[in-house]
Amino acid sequence: FATSIIGALFIIATLSLPMWHAMHRLHHGMHDLKFHTGLAGKIICYLLAFIITLWALVGVIII
């Protein structure tokens, strides 16, 4: 499944898109709860989503 381009894109999207959504909601949820983390919180949230995206890419390339 992961050896075809469609399967690889599906695996990457399945891991990456929900993580970006979750980190975006976490960042804004913390703001709503008055945890103003500023730029550091934004960088941490989106960096974690980016790392998961890279992890998915590397995993698909290795397969």
Protein backbone atom coordinates (compact mmCIF):
# COMPACT_ATOMS: atom_id res chain seq x y z
CA PHE A 1 0.00 0.00 0.00
CA ALA A 2 2.74 2.47 0.96
CA THR A 3 4.77 1.64 -2.13
CA SER A 4 2.31 3.39 -4.45
CA ILE A 5 2.26 7.18 -4.61
CA ILE A 6 -1.42 7.33 -3.65
CA GLY A 7 -0.86 5.10 -0.63
CA ALA A 8 2.18 7.10 0.47
CA LEU A 9 0.29 10.38 0.20
CA PHE A 10 -2.61 8.88 2.14
CA ILE A 11 -0.32 7.77 4.98
CA ILE A 12 1.38 11.17 5.13
CA ALA A 13 -1.97 12.99 5.13
CA THR A 14 -3.42 10.63 7.74
CA LEU A 15 -0.62 11.47 10.17
CA SER A 16 0.15 15.05 9.24
CA LEU A 17 -3.19 16.82 8.82
CA PRO A 18 -4.77 15.74 12.13
CA MET A 19 -1.57 16.71 13.94
CA TRP A 20 -1.58 20.21 12.42
CA HIS A 21 -5.25 20.56 13.36
CA ALA A 22 -4.66 19.33 16.92
CA MET A 23 -1.70 21.62 17.50
CA HIS A 24 -3.63 24.58 16.09
CA ARG A 25 -6.55 23.84 18.42
CA LEU A 26 -4.19 23.35 21.37
CA HIS A 27 -2.50 26.68 20.71
CA HIS A 28 -5.82 28.54 20.47
CA GLY A 29 -7.33 26.57 23.36
CA MET A 30 -4.48 27.65 25.62
CA HIS A 31 -5.10 31.25 24.55
CA ASP A 32 -8.83 30.89 25.35
CA LEU A 33 -7.93 29.56 28.81
CA LYS A 34 -5.70 32.61 29.37
CA PHE A 35 -2.41 30.73 28.97
CA HIS A 36 -0.71 33.33 26.82
CA THR A 37 2.47 31.54 25.79
CA GLY A 38 3.29 34.02 23.05
CA LEU A 39 5.67 33.18 20.28
CA ALA A 40 7.29 30.32 22.21
CA GLY A 41 3.98 28.45 22.51
CA LYS A 42 3.26 28.95 18.84
CA ILE A 43 6.70 27.70 17.86
CA ILE A 44 6.43 24.63 20.11
CA CYS A 45 2.96 23.67 18.84
CA TYR A 46 3.69 24.07 15.17
CA LEU A 47 7.20 22.64 15.44
CA LEU A 48 5.75 19.46 16.93
CA ALA A 49 3.30 19.21 14.02
CA PHE A 50 6.16 19.78 11.57
CA ILE A 51 8.26 17.06 13.23
CA ILE A 52 5.38 14.57 12.92
CA THR A 53 5.03 15.53 9.25
CA LEU A 54 8.73 14.93 8.66
CA TRP A 55 8.51 11.65 10.56
CA ALA A 56 5.68 10.53 8.27
CA LEU A 57 7.65 11.55 5.19
CA VAL A 58 10.77 9.70 6.30
CA GLY A 59 8.74 6.64 7.24
CA VAL A 60 7.10 6.52 3.82
CA ILE A 61 10.40 7.07 2.00
CA ILE A 62 12.07 4.25 3.96
CA ILE A 63 9.23 1.85 3.13
